[in-house]
Protein backbone atom coordinates (compact mmCIF):
# COMPACT_ATOMS: atom_id res chain seq x y z
CA UNK A 1 -69.76 -64.92 64.64
CA UNK A 2 -68.34 -63.44 67.84
CA UNK A 3 -64.88 -64.80 67.01
CA UNK A 4 -64.93 -63.13 63.58
CA UNK A 5 -65.94 -59.77 65.12
CA UNK A 6 -63.27 -60.11 67.77
CA UNK A 7 -60.65 -60.95 65.12
CA UNK A 8 -61.67 -57.88 63.07
CA UNK A 9 -61.30 -55.62 66.15
CA UNK A 10 -57.81 -57.02 66.79
CA UNK A 11 -56.81 -56.45 63.14
CA UNK A 12 -58.06 -52.85 63.26
CA UNK A 13 -56.22 -52.25 66.53
CA UNK A 14 -52.98 -53.66 65.08
CA UNK A 15 -53.31 -51.40 62.03
CA UNK A 16 -53.85 -48.30 64.20
CA UNK A 17 -50.92 -49.31 66.42
CA UNK A 18 -48.64 -49.78 63.39
CA UNK A 19 -49.66 -46.35 62.03
CA UNK A 20 -48.91 -44.75 65.40
CA UNK A 21 -45.46 -46.37 65.53
CA UNK A 22 -44.65 -45.16 61.98
CA UNK A 23 -45.76 -41.63 62.91
CA UNK A 24 -43.62 -41.64 66.06
CA UNK A 25 -40.63 -42.88 64.04
CA UNK A 26 -41.06 -40.09 61.50
CA UNK A 27 -41.32 -37.45 64.22
CA UNK A 28 -38.24 -38.83 66.00
CA UNK A 29 -36.24 -38.50 62.77
CA UNK A 30 -37.60 -34.97 62.25
CA UNK A 31 -36.90 -33.90 65.85
CA UNK A 32 -33.41 -35.40 66.02
CA UNK A 33 -32.13 -34.35 62.55
CA UNK A 34 -29.99 -31.18 62.84
CA UNK A 35 -30.53 -28.27 60.49
CA UNK A 36 -26.86 -28.48 59.46
CA UNK A 37 -24.23 -31.18 59.46
CA UNK A 38 -21.24 -30.69 61.76
CA UNK A 39 -18.20 -28.89 60.34
CA UNK A 40 -15.25 -30.91 59.08
CA UNK A 41 -11.75 -29.53 59.62
CA UNK A 42 -8.31 -30.31 58.18
CA UNK A 43 -5.75 -30.98 59.61
CA UNK A 44 -6.73 -32.71 62.84
CA UNK A 45 -3.52 -31.76 64.65
CA UNK A 46 -0.88 -29.02 64.52
CA UNK A 47 2.53 -29.08 66.21
CA UNK A 48 4.68 -25.94 66.11
CA UNK A 49 8.04 -24.98 67.55
CA UNK A 50 8.44 -21.31 68.53
CA UNK A 51 10.83 -18.97 70.26
CA UNK A 52 9.62 -17.13 73.39
CA UNK A 53 7.52 -14.01 72.76
CA UNK A 54 7.19 -14.73 69.03
CA UNK A 55 4.23 -14.87 66.68
CA UNK A 56 3.21 -17.33 63.97
CA UNK A 57 0.23 -17.63 61.62
CA UNK A 58 -1.28 -21.03 60.90
CA UNK A 59 -4.01 -21.89 58.42
CA UNK A 60 -6.56 -24.68 58.44
CA UNK A 61 -9.49 -25.62 56.22
CA UNK A 62 -13.16 -25.88 57.26
CA UNK A 63 -15.48 -27.89 55.01
CA UNK A 64 -19.27 -27.89 54.86
CA UNK A 65 -22.25 -25.64 54.20
CA UNK A 66 -22.39 -23.84 57.52
CA UNK A 67 -23.71 -20.67 59.11
CA UNK A 68 -22.47 -18.79 62.18
CA UNK A 69 -19.32 -20.83 62.67
CA UNK A 70 -17.47 -19.86 65.86
CA UNK A 71 -13.90 -20.61 66.98
CA UNK A 72 -12.47 -20.94 70.46
CA UNK A 73 -9.38 -22.42 72.11
CA UNK A 74 -9.14 -24.27 75.40
CA UNK A 75 -6.63 -25.62 77.91
CA UNK A 76 -3.13 -24.16 78.19
CA UNK A 77 -3.06 -22.64 74.67
CA UNK A 78 -6.28 -20.68 75.10
CA UNK A 79 -4.57 -17.41 76.05
CA UNK A 80 -2.04 -17.68 73.22
CA UNK A 81 -4.43 -18.13 70.29
CA UNK A 82 -6.00 -15.19 68.44
CA UNK A 83 -8.73 -15.43 65.82
CA UNK A 84 -8.58 -12.56 63.26
CA UNK A 85 -11.98 -13.75 61.97
CA UNK A 86 -14.78 -15.41 63.91
CA UNK A 87 -18.54 -16.01 63.56
CA UNK A 88 -18.61 -16.53 59.78
CA UNK A 89 -20.35 -18.68 57.19
CA UNK A 90 -18.81 -21.49 55.14
CA UNK A 91 -20.02 -22.39 51.66
CA UNK A 92 -18.26 -25.57 50.54
CA UNK A 93 -14.91 -24.88 52.16
CA UNK A 94 -12.96 -21.99 53.66
CA UNK A 95 -9.35 -21.36 54.66
CA UNK A 96 -9.11 -19.81 58.12
CA UNK A 97 -6.07 -18.06 59.59
CA UNK A 98 -5.20 -18.25 63.29
CA UNK A 99 -2.36 -16.40 65.05
CA UNK A 100 -0.29 -18.05 67.78
CA UNK A 101 1.63 -15.85 70.24
CA UNK A 102 4.13 -17.75 72.33
CA UNK A 103 4.65 -16.99 76.04
CA UNK A 104 7.98 -16.02 77.58
CA UNK A 105 8.40 -19.33 79.37
CA UNK A 106 9.86 -22.46 77.78
CA UNK A 107 7.79 -25.61 77.62
CA UNK A 108 5.04 -27.39 75.76
CA UNK A 109 1.54 -25.91 75.68
CA UNK A 110 -1.43 -28.01 74.58
CA UNK A 111 -5.07 -27.58 73.83
CA UNK A 112 -7.72 -27.65 71.14
CA UNK A 113 -9.08 -25.16 68.64
CA UNK A 114 -12.79 -25.96 68.59
CA UNK A 115 -14.87 -25.21 65.49
CA UNK A 116 -18.57 -24.96 66.35
CA UNK A 117 -21.48 -24.98 63.93
CA UNK A 118 -25.22 -25.33 64.34
CA UNK A 119 -25.04 -29.06 63.62
CA UNK A 120 -22.12 -29.90 65.88
CA UNK A 121 -18.41 -29.28 66.22
CA UNK A 122 -14.96 -30.49 65.24
CA UNK A 123 -11.56 -29.82 66.79
CA UNK A 124 -7.86 -29.46 66.01
CA UNK A 125 -5.32 -30.59 68.58
CA UNK A 126 -2.60 -27.93 68.97
CA UNK A 127 0.81 -28.45 70.54
CA UNK A 128 3.09 -25.43 70.88
CA UNK A 129 6.65 -26.14 71.98
CA UNK A 130 8.46 -22.98 73.15
CA UNK A 131 12.23 -23.57 72.89
CA UNK A 132 15.32 -21.41 73.49
CA UNK A 133 16.75 -21.92 70.01
CA UNK A 134 15.48 -22.80 66.57
CA UNK A 135 17.55 -23.82 63.57
CA UNK A 136 16.52 -23.79 59.92
CA UNK A 137 16.30 -27.14 58.19
CA UNK A 138 15.93 -27.43 54.43
CA UNK A 139 14.77 -30.05 51.99
CA UNK A 140 15.80 -29.59 48.37
CA UNK A 141 14.63 -31.38 45.25
CA UNK A 142 14.86 -30.79 41.51
CA UNK A 143 12.10 -29.89 39.04
CA UNK A 144 12.37 -31.03 35.44
CA UNK A 145 13.34 -28.46 32.81
CA UNK A 146 10.35 -26.74 31.25
CA UNK A 147 9.64 -24.10 28.60
CA UNK A 148 6.88 -21.48 28.59
CA UNK A 149 5.96 -18.95 25.92
CA UNK A 150 3.80 -15.90 25.45
CA UNK A 151 3.22 -14.85 21.85
CA UNK A 152 2.01 -11.42 22.87
CA UNK A 153 -1.05 -9.76 21.40
CA UNK A 154 -2.66 -10.23 18.02
CA UNK A 155 -0.45 -11.20 15.11
CA UNK A 156 -1.16 -10.16 11.52
CA UNK A 157 -0.65 -13.31 9.44
CA UNK A 158 -1.61 -11.84 6.04
CA UNK A 159 -3.02 -8.59 4.67
CA UNK A 160 -4.00 -6.89 1.43
CA UNK A 161 -4.92 -3.30 0.54
CA UNK A 162 -6.83 -1.43 -2.19
CA UNK A 163 -8.43 -4.14 -4.32
CA UNK A 164 -11.82 -4.93 -5.89
CA UNK A 165 -13.96 -8.06 -5.86
CA UNK A 166 -16.74 -8.24 -8.41
CA UNK A 167 -19.20 -10.57 -10.12
CA UNK A 168 -21.10 -10.22 -13.38
CA UNK A 169 -22.50 -12.54 -16.00
CA UNK A 170 -19.26 -12.48 -18.00
CA UNK A 171 -16.52 -11.66 -15.46
CA UNK A 172 -15.41 -12.33 -11.90
CA UNK A 173 -12.71 -10.94 -9.59
CA UNK A 174 -11.80 -12.52 -6.26
CA UNK A 175 -8.99 -12.09 -3.75
CA UNK A 176 -7.38 -14.66 -1.43
CA UNK A 177 -5.43 -14.26 1.82
CA UNK A 178 -3.18 -17.16 2.81
CA UNK A 179 -1.77 -17.87 6.25
CA UNK A 180 -0.09 -20.67 8.20
CA UNK A 181 -0.43 -21.39 11.94
CA UNK A 182 2.42 -21.66 14.43
CA UNK A 183 0.14 -23.60 16.77
CA UNK A 184 -3.46 -24.78 16.99
CA UNK A 185 -3.66 -23.40 20.56
CA UNK A 186 -5.57 -20.33 19.39
CA UNK A 187 -7.49 -17.92 21.58
CA UNK A 188 -8.99 -15.80 18.81
CA UNK A 189 -8.83 -15.54 15.00
CA UNK A 190 -10.62 -12.99 12.81
CA UNK A 191 -10.69 -11.15 9.51
CA UNK A 192 -10.64 -7.35 9.75
CA UNK A 193 -12.20 -5.55 6.79
CA UNK A 194 -12.50 -1.93 5.67
CA UNK A 195 -14.69 -1.27 2.61
CA UNK A 196 -15.69 2.12 1.13
CA UNK A 197 -17.55 1.54 -2.16
CA UNK A 198 -20.24 -0.92 -3.19
CA UNK A 199 -22.46 -1.24 -6.27
CA UNK A 200 -24.91 -3.80 -7.63
CA UNK A 201 -27.52 -6.10 -6.06
CA UNK A 202 -25.25 -8.92 -4.90
CA UNK A 203 -23.58 -10.06 -1.70
CA UNK A 204 -20.10 -9.72 -0.26
CA UNK A 205 -18.96 -13.26 0.63
CA UNK A 206 -16.07 -14.59 2.73
CA UNK A 207 -15.02 -18.25 2.59
CA UNK A 208 -12.54 -19.97 4.92
CA UNK A 209 -11.07 -23.10 3.35
CA UNK A 210 -14.17 -23.37 1.16
CA UNK A 211 -16.69 -22.80 3.99
CA UNK A 212 -18.88 -19.69 3.85
CA UNK A 213 -18.38 -17.71 7.08
CA UNK A 214 -19.84 -14.35 6.00
CA UNK A 215 -22.48 -13.29 3.44
CA UNK A 216 -24.01 -9.84 3.51
CA UNK A 217 -25.14 -6.93 1.34
CA UNK A 218 -23.04 -3.84 2.06
CA UNK A 219 -23.96 -0.26 1.22
CA UNK A 220 -21.50 2.33 -0.08
CA UNK A 221 -19.70 4.46 2.46
CA UNK A 222 -17.16 3.74 5.18
CA UNK A 223 -17.71 0.20 6.43
CA UNK A 224 -15.67 -1.68 9.04
CA UNK A 225 -16.24 -5.34 9.97
CA UNK A 226 -14.53 -7.93 12.16
CA UNK A 227 -15.48 -11.44 11.05
CA UNK A 228 -14.63 -14.31 13.43
CA UNK A 229 -12.87 -17.25 11.82
CA UNK A 230 -14.45 -20.56 12.84
CA UNK A 231 -11.61 -22.35 14.66
CA UNK A 232 -12.93 -25.77 13.63
CA UNK A 233 -12.28 -24.90 9.97
CA UNK A 234 -8.61 -23.98 10.51
CA UNK A 235 -5.76 -26.09 9.10
CA UNK A 236 -1.99 -25.81 9.09
CA UNK A 237 -2.25 -23.75 5.86
CA UNK A 238 -5.44 -21.70 5.37
CA UNK A 239 -7.11 -19.73 2.58
CA UNK A 240 -9.58 -16.89 3.06
CA UNK A 241 -11.33 -16.04 -0.20
CA UNK A 242 -13.18 -12.74 -0.70
CA UNK A 243 -15.71 -12.59 -3.53
CA UNK A 244 -18.97 -11.09 -4.77
CA UNK A 245 -22.06 -13.20 -5.42
CA UNK A 246 -25.25 -12.62 -7.43
CA UNK A 247 -28.43 -14.63 -7.29
CA UNK A 248 -31.75 -14.75 -9.13
CA UNK A 249 -32.21 -11.97 -11.69
CA UNK A 250 -29.17 -10.33 -10.12
CA UNK A 251 -26.92 -12.47 -12.30
CA UNK A 252 -27.76 -10.08 -15.13
CA UNK A 253 -26.11 -7.20 -13.26
CA UNK A 254 -22.63 -6.45 -11.97
CA UNK A 255 -21.85 -6.40 -8.25
CA UNK A 256 -18.61 -4.73 -7.12
CA UNK A 257 -16.99 -4.04 -3.75
CA UNK A 258 -13.85 -1.97 -3.15
CA UNK A 259 -11.80 -3.23 -0.19
CA UNK A 260 -9.53 -0.64 1.44
CA UNK A 261 -7.86 -3.13 3.80
CA UNK A 262 -8.18 -6.83 4.72
CA UNK A 263 -6.15 -8.41 7.55
CA UNK A 264 -6.00 -11.86 9.14
CA UNK A 265 -5.45 -11.49 12.92
CA UNK A 266 -4.65 -14.40 15.26
CA UNK A 267 -4.03 -14.47 19.00
CA UNK A 268 -2.44 -17.62 20.41
CA UNK A 269 -3.10 -19.00 23.88
CA UNK A 270 -0.41 -18.77 26.56
CA UNK A 271 -0.43 -21.56 29.14
CA UNK A 272 1.42 -21.57 32.48
CA UNK A 273 3.62 -24.45 33.54
CA UNK A 274 2.35 -26.07 36.73
CA UNK A 275 3.84 -28.56 39.15
CA UNK A 276 3.06 -29.99 42.59
CA UNK A 277 5.00 -29.55 45.83
CA UNK A 278 4.32 -32.13 48.58
CA UNK A 279 4.83 -30.95 52.17
CA UNK A 280 5.00 -32.99 55.34
CA UNK A 281 2.98 -32.03 58.40
CA UNK A 282 6.15 -30.81 60.15
CA UNK A 283 7.13 -28.67 57.14
CA UNK A 284 3.66 -27.10 57.09
CA UNK A 285 3.48 -26.40 60.83
CA UNK A 286 7.02 -24.99 61.05
CA UNK A 287 7.31 -23.42 57.60
CA UNK A 288 9.71 -20.53 57.09
CA UNK A 289 10.26 -20.04 53.35
CA UNK A 290 10.12 -21.52 49.88
CA UNK A 291 13.18 -21.11 47.67
CA UNK A 292 13.22 -21.49 43.88
CA UNK A 293 16.29 -21.21 41.66
CA UNK A 294 16.66 -21.70 37.91
CA UNK A 295 18.87 -20.86 34.95
CA UNK A 296 16.81 -19.00 32.33
CA UNK A 297 17.56 -19.55 28.64
CA UNK A 298 16.07 -17.19 26.05
CA UNK A 299 16.92 -15.97 22.56
CA UNK A 300 16.01 -12.40 23.54
CA UNK A 301 18.50 -10.03 25.13
CA UNK A 302 15.90 -8.92 27.67
CA UNK A 303 13.97 -11.51 29.60
CA UNK A 304 10.15 -11.23 29.65
CA UNK A 305 8.20 -10.57 32.85
CA UNK A 306 7.48 -13.67 34.91
CA UNK A 307 4.54 -14.41 37.19
CA UNK A 308 4.57 -17.15 39.85
CA UNK A 309 1.56 -18.30 41.87
CA UNK A 310 1.56 -20.63 44.88
CA UNK A 311 -1.88 -22.17 45.47
CA UNK A 312 -3.31 -19.21 43.49
CA UNK A 313 -1.54 -16.70 45.76
CA UNK A 314 0.63 -14.28 43.78
CA UNK A 315 4.18 -14.64 45.14
CA UNK A 316 6.31 -13.11 42.36
CA UNK A 317 5.82 -10.80 39.42
CA UNK A 318 8.65 -9.02 37.65
CA UNK A 319 11.35 -9.05 34.97
CA UNK A 320 14.52 -10.93 36.02
CA UNK A 321 17.70 -8.90 35.56
CA UNK A 322 19.97 -11.93 35.36
CA UNK A 323 19.84 -15.34 33.71
CA UNK A 324 20.35 -16.96 37.12
CA UNK A 325 16.96 -16.69 38.78
CA UNK A 326 16.82 -17.18 42.57
CA UNK A 327 14.00 -16.15 44.94
CA UNK A 328 12.91 -16.91 48.50
CA UNK A 329 9.21 -16.65 49.34
CA UNK A 330 7.84 -16.27 52.85
CA UNK A 331 4.50 -14.54 52.11
CA UNK A 332 2.42 -13.57 49.09
CA UNK A 333 2.77 -10.13 47.49
CA UNK A 334 -0.09 -8.78 49.62
CA UNK A 335 1.75 -9.76 52.82
CA UNK A 336 -0.49 -12.72 53.65
CA UNK A 337 0.91 -16.02 54.96
CA UNK A 338 1.12 -18.76 52.37
CA UNK A 339 -1.71 -21.29 52.34
CA UNK A 340 0.04 -24.62 52.87
CA UNK A 341 -1.37 -28.09 52.21
CA UNK A 342 0.02 -31.62 51.90
CA UNK A 343 -0.13 -31.09 48.09
CA UNK A 344 0.52 -27.59 46.75
CA UNK A 345 0.21 -26.18 43.23
CA UNK A 346 2.81 -23.84 41.69
CA UNK A 347 2.22 -22.14 38.32
CA UNK A 348 4.81 -20.19 36.32
CA UNK A 349 3.80 -18.01 33.37
CA UNK A 350 5.03 -15.14 31.20
CA UNK A 351 3.00 -11.94 31.25
CA UNK A 352 4.90 -10.26 28.41
CA UNK A 353 5.91 -11.63 25.03
CA UNK A 354 8.77 -14.10 25.05
CA UNK A 355 9.94 -17.69 25.17
CA UNK A 356 11.97 -18.98 28.12
CA UNK A 357 13.48 -22.34 29.06
CA UNK A 358 13.69 -22.87 32.84
CA UNK A 359 16.61 -25.26 33.40
CA UNK A 360 18.52 -26.67 36.40
CA UNK A 361 15.49 -26.00 38.59
CA UNK A 362 15.94 -26.51 42.33
CA UNK A 363 13.19 -26.09 44.93
CA UNK A 364 14.01 -25.70 48.62
CA UNK A 365 11.66 -25.94 51.60
CA UNK A 366 12.93 -24.16 54.72
CA UNK A 367 11.36 -24.98 58.08
CA UNK A 368 12.25 -24.66 61.74
CA UNK A 369 13.48 -27.43 63.97
CA UNK A 370 14.67 -27.24 67.58
CA UNK A 371 18.34 -27.84 68.22
């Protein structure tokens, strides 16, 4: 009997001890888990070549969901690094610009840019080599020929004026608009209607390729309506039929609608052409300019206006005066340094109506190297 009681006391003690250990483990996890994860930064190192008493902007990316992020520099570069922005929040990721100002003395200066968050820190190793002379190096490569188009605003594909649609027990009048599509890349398609007289109990009906897309009773008087055309019903050749319809006892009466004007309007989509530019770490750190040259082929005498974006930064907008197109880009149109990554996106589009073939395309990356 005593042994059973003693065994029960030991079992109860072991259970209490196990519960205490689980509680301590939970509290340790709670106490040692930071409110935020540490920041993550790209790239991990930057190496730049600069002339004495010169200035250069560099950009890096901070990733994470962070609050009150602070930046500081240490070691021999600390007095040559300026932070235009500091003590900020990061939601997902953020590009941060830092300005380097080189000293008057030649040599290599090293240190770290430290990115501190509530959950920890990350760092970028920075090497700044101040040299007496820099020379421009270039890397050139070709881009395949490409064509882009902008069809402009709305196009009227068919129209009719001053006609009547009617329905009675013994007669019927309908009207049909017919249109073909240049492309199925359509942004918007609609039927514009102006009616001024209506009589009878029936409905005004619009059918697109046999599908009813509009059915309504319209009163006499000035009436304007824009009816969207269901894009899923569209074919290469399309028919929009306008008619009157009676139902029930209304079939014994005549319904009539006078249409002043009916128009089919279509707006096509305009897509940019995009391509990727890979950059090495040295090209990013010592970047000077991006050059782009092309021969533009168009049936129009005047070329349309062109828009070019580099990583979503606007770098060119304008109407080329000559068929030989050649630009050098050092900053965006707002004067900001270009955001540079190992893989960079370039998009070219037309912002006015036209069709242009970009041929013999050459891209050049200019960057500094010490002699």
